[in-house]
Amino acid sequence: MTSYAIKEIFYSLQGEGRNAGRAAVFCRFAGCNLWSGRERDRADAVCTFCDTDFVGTNGSRGGRYGSATELTAAISDAWGDNSANRFVVLTGGEPLLQVDDALIGALHGAGFEIALETNGTLTPPVGIDWICVSPKTLPLALDGGHELKLVYPNPRVNPEDVEDLAFENFLLQPLDGAATRESTEAAVAFCLANPKWRLSLQTHKQLGIR
């Protein structure tokens, strides 16, 4: 039987990307294939700049869910009684280590539109309504979708490396950290010089929400 290791499930507003400002349930899957999530391993990881805690199952509504039906029920509970405009964001870590056909079917059956946030190194099941790839390394197994969101600057991937891929939207998101101001200025300058790209900001951090 399939089980899912979930770090946390919570209801908030999408803070970044083309769906910014939209109410959503965030289902964060534990684990990633590009970093263990432990600080002692960060320097040697493929992705060295992740700002998310995806280790373990100890977050709000976190745990091991024994079936797609059980996990969907927890996501529905987080959404609440309103049956309209149901929207879930499957994120991580790397959700495609666990997301499968059974979960996509159960979520659609519960009336959810499904968004996926992935590093693009794994192939998703069919039926996901919105695919956002945030590449941390190349090559990508997933070279098309609705949104490519590149953290900038990125030590392994340049915008020129991915701008000809089959995505509907190309977003540049400033690298958060000690040099956030410099990263933001560089991203703004790049978008002005290359208008195929749009600026994506982490508005949830600015607003102080999850």
Protein backbone atom coordinates (compact mmCIF):
# COMPACT_ATOMS: atom_id res chain seq x y z
CA MET A 1 0.00 0.00 0.00
CA THR A 2 1.24 3.47 -0.87
CA SER A 3 1.94 5.83 2.01
CA TYR A 4 2.92 9.49 1.97
CA ALA A 5 5.39 11.21 4.28
CA ILE A 6 4.12 14.75 4.82
CA LYS A 7 6.01 17.51 6.58
CA GLU A 8 3.04 19.86 6.90
CA ILE A 9 -0.34 20.82 5.49
CA PHE A 10 -1.62 24.37 5.91
CA TYR A 11 -3.97 26.94 4.40
CA SER A 12 -2.56 30.27 3.23
CA LEU A 13 -2.11 32.52 0.21
CA GLN A 14 0.28 31.57 -2.56
CA GLY A 15 3.12 34.02 -2.11
CA GLU A 16 5.04 33.73 -5.36
CA GLY A 17 4.77 33.00 -9.05
CA ARG A 18 1.83 33.49 -11.39
CA ASN A 19 -0.69 32.30 -8.77
CA ALA A 20 0.49 34.80 -6.14
CA GLY A 21 -2.34 35.99 -3.93
CA ARG A 22 -4.53 32.94 -4.46
CA ALA A 23 -5.87 30.99 -1.49
CA ALA A 24 -4.46 27.49 -1.39
CA VAL A 25 -3.80 24.48 0.79
CA PHE A 26 -0.09 23.72 0.80
CA CYS A 27 0.85 20.06 1.14
CA ARG A 28 4.58 19.84 1.78
CA PHE A 29 6.09 16.42 1.14
CA ALA A 30 9.07 15.32 3.20
CA GLY A 31 12.34 14.58 1.43
CA CYS A 32 14.24 15.82 -1.61
CA ASN A 33 16.59 14.30 -4.17
CA LEU A 34 18.93 17.33 -4.33
CA TRP A 35 19.62 17.91 -0.62
CA SER A 36 19.07 15.93 2.57
CA GLY A 37 17.67 18.99 4.30
CA ARG A 38 20.35 18.81 6.99
CA GLU A 39 22.71 21.74 7.38
CA ARG A 40 25.78 19.52 7.65
CA ASP A 41 25.13 18.34 4.08
CA ARG A 42 24.28 21.70 2.52
CA ALA A 43 27.73 22.65 1.21
CA ASP A 44 28.04 19.41 -0.78
CA ALA A 45 24.43 19.30 -2.02
CA VAL A 46 23.29 19.91 -5.59
CA CYS A 47 20.95 22.60 -4.24
CA THR A 48 22.71 24.72 -1.63
CA PHE A 49 20.25 27.60 -1.19
CA CYS A 50 16.95 25.97 -0.19
CA ASP A 51 15.08 28.00 2.44
CA THR A 52 12.49 25.35 3.37
CA ASP A 53 12.33 22.82 6.19
CA PHE A 54 11.17 19.57 4.61
CA VAL A 55 12.79 17.09 7.01
CA GLY A 56 10.54 14.79 8.99
CA THR A 57 6.79 14.77 9.51
CA ASN A 58 6.47 17.01 12.56
CA GLY A 59 4.77 20.08 11.05
CA SER A 60 1.12 21.07 11.29
CA ARG A 61 -1.02 18.15 10.09
CA GLY A 62 2.25 16.38 9.25
CA GLY A 63 2.57 12.61 9.46
CA ARG A 64 2.48 9.44 7.44
CA TYR A 65 -0.73 9.05 5.50
CA GLY A 66 -1.58 5.51 4.54
CA SER A 67 -3.57 6.20 1.37
CA ALA A 68 -4.43 8.87 -1.17
CA THR A 69 -7.93 9.01 0.31
CA GLU A 70 -6.57 9.69 3.79
CA LEU A 71 -4.22 12.41 2.59
CA THR A 72 -6.94 14.04 0.49
CA ALA A 73 -9.23 14.10 3.54
CA ALA A 74 -6.55 15.99 5.51
CA ILE A 75 -6.11 18.48 2.67
CA SER A 76 -9.89 18.95 2.45
CA ASP A 77 -10.04 19.53 6.19
CA ALA A 78 -7.37 22.22 5.90
CA TRP A 79 -9.39 23.94 3.15
CA GLY A 80 -12.57 24.02 5.20
CA ASP A 81 -16.24 23.97 4.27
CA ASN A 82 -16.13 26.22 1.20
CA SER A 83 -16.49 23.97 -1.83
CA ALA A 84 -15.66 26.64 -4.42
CA ASN A 85 -12.29 27.32 -6.05
CA ARG A 86 -10.50 24.55 -4.19
CA PHE A 87 -6.77 24.80 -4.87
CA VAL A 88 -3.93 22.67 -3.53
CA VAL A 89 -0.19 23.20 -4.02
CA LEU A 90 1.91 20.03 -3.84
CA THR A 91 5.36 21.13 -2.76
CA GLY A 92 8.41 20.03 -0.82
CA GLY A 93 11.22 19.14 -0.72
CA GLU A 94 10.56 17.33 -3.96
CA PRO A 95 6.93 16.17 -4.16
CA LEU A 96 7.45 13.96 -7.21
CA LEU A 97 9.30 11.46 -5.05
CA GLN A 98 5.84 10.57 -3.73
CA VAL A 99 3.02 12.10 -5.82
CA ASP A 100 1.27 9.41 -7.86
CA ASP A 101 -1.80 8.74 -9.98
CA ALA A 102 -3.87 7.70 -6.97
CA LEU A 103 -3.34 11.03 -5.23
CA ILE A 104 -4.06 13.07 -8.37
CA GLY A 105 -7.30 11.15 -8.86
CA ALA A 106 -8.37 11.54 -5.23
CA LEU A 107 -7.70 15.27 -5.19
CA HIS A 108 -9.59 15.84 -8.42
CA GLY A 109 -12.42 13.73 -7.04
CA ALA A 110 -12.57 16.09 -4.04
CA GLY A 111 -12.87 19.08 -6.35
CA PHE A 112 -9.32 20.42 -6.11
CA GLU A 113 -7.37 22.15 -8.82
CA ILE A 114 -3.83 20.82 -8.42
CA ALA A 115 -0.60 22.80 -8.67
CA LEU A 116 2.84 21.22 -8.42
CA GLU A 117 6.12 22.85 -7.43
CA THR A 118 9.07 20.71 -8.53
CA ASN A 119 12.77 20.95 -9.32
CA GLY A 120 12.09 19.31 -12.69
CA THR A 121 14.39 16.31 -12.31
CA LEU A 122 11.51 13.79 -12.18
CA THR A 123 8.55 13.15 -14.48
CA PRO A 124 5.09 13.85 -13.01
CA PRO A 125 1.95 11.75 -13.36
CA VAL A 126 -0.60 13.01 -15.86
CA GLY A 127 -3.47 15.26 -14.84
CA ILE A 128 -1.75 18.00 -12.84
CA ASP A 129 -3.43 21.32 -13.59
CA TRP A 130 -0.51 23.70 -13.01
CA ILE A 131 3.14 22.71 -13.17
CA CYS A 132 5.82 25.05 -11.83
CA VAL A 133 9.43 23.99 -12.35
CA SER A 134 12.16 25.69 -10.34
CA PRO A 135 15.37 24.24 -11.79
CA LYS A 136 18.34 23.77 -9.50
CA THR A 137 20.48 21.75 -11.90
CA LEU A 138 20.50 20.55 -15.52
CA PRO A 139 19.46 18.58 -17.46
CA LEU A 140 15.76 18.55 -16.63
CA ALA A 141 13.46 15.56 -17.01
CA LEU A 142 10.54 17.98 -17.20
CA ASP A 143 11.21 20.58 -19.89
CA GLY A 144 7.75 22.07 -20.26
CA GLY A 145 4.85 23.29 -18.18
CA HIS A 146 2.93 26.34 -17.10
CA GLU A 147 5.64 28.18 -15.22
CA LEU A 148 9.42 28.13 -14.99
CA LYS A 149 10.57 29.95 -11.85
CA LEU A 150 14.32 30.39 -11.67
CA VAL A 151 16.03 31.53 -8.48
CA TYR A 152 18.52 34.23 -9.49
CA PRO A 153 21.45 34.20 -9.41
CA ASN A 154 21.72 30.44 -9.59
CA PRO A 155 25.18 28.83 -9.43
CA ARG A 156 24.17 25.94 -11.71
CA VAL A 157 21.52 27.35 -14.07
CA ASN A 158 21.48 30.59 -16.05
CA PRO A 159 18.33 32.06 -17.63
CA GLU A 160 19.86 31.54 -21.07
CA ASP A 161 20.07 27.80 -20.37
CA VAL A 162 16.31 27.38 -20.00
CA GLU A 163 14.54 30.21 -21.83
CA ASP A 164 13.87 28.11 -24.94
CA LEU A 165 12.06 25.36 -23.04
CA ALA A 166 8.32 24.80 -23.49
CA PHE A 167 6.94 26.86 -20.60
CA GLU A 168 4.11 29.40 -20.77
CA ASN A 169 5.66 31.76 -18.22
CA PHE A 170 9.27 32.56 -17.31
CA LEU A 171 9.82 34.03 -13.86
CA LEU A 172 12.98 35.22 -12.15
CA GLN A 173 12.97 35.11 -8.35
CA PRO A 174 15.73 36.88 -6.39
CA LEU A 175 17.87 34.60 -4.24
CA ASP A 176 16.91 35.15 -0.61
CA GLY A 177 19.61 35.45 2.03
CA ALA A 178 22.40 37.76 3.08
CA ALA A 179 22.54 39.41 -0.34
CA THR A 180 18.79 39.69 -1.01
CA ARG A 181 18.97 43.35 -1.98
CA GLU A 182 21.76 42.75 -4.50
CA SER A 183 19.96 39.69 -5.91
CA THR A 184 16.75 41.69 -6.29
CA GLU A 185 18.50 44.52 -8.09
CA ALA A 186 20.17 42.04 -10.43
CA ALA A 187 16.88 40.26 -11.15
CA VAL A 188 15.10 43.54 -11.85
CA ALA A 189 17.86 44.61 -14.23
CA PHE A 190 17.74 41.26 -16.03
CA CYS A 191 13.96 41.39 -16.48
CA LEU A 192 14.16 44.93 -17.83
CA ALA A 193 16.79 43.85 -20.35
CA ASN A 194 15.00 40.57 -21.17
CA PRO A 195 11.22 41.17 -21.08
CA LYS A 196 10.43 37.52 -21.75
CA TRP A 197 11.13 37.14 -18.01
CA ARG A 198 8.90 38.46 -15.22
CA LEU A 199 9.96 39.22 -11.67
CA SER A 200 8.62 36.93 -8.95
CA LEU A 201 8.81 38.08 -5.32
CA GLN A 202 8.23 36.02 -2.17
CA THR A 203 5.34 38.16 -0.96
CA HIS A 204 4.44 35.75 1.84
CA LYS A 205 7.72 36.65 3.53
CA GLN A 206 6.98 40.34 3.12
CA LEU A 207 3.51 39.85 4.60
CA GLY A 208 4.72 37.64 7.44
CA ILE A 209 2.48 34.70 6.50
CA ARG A 210 3.31 31.07 5.75
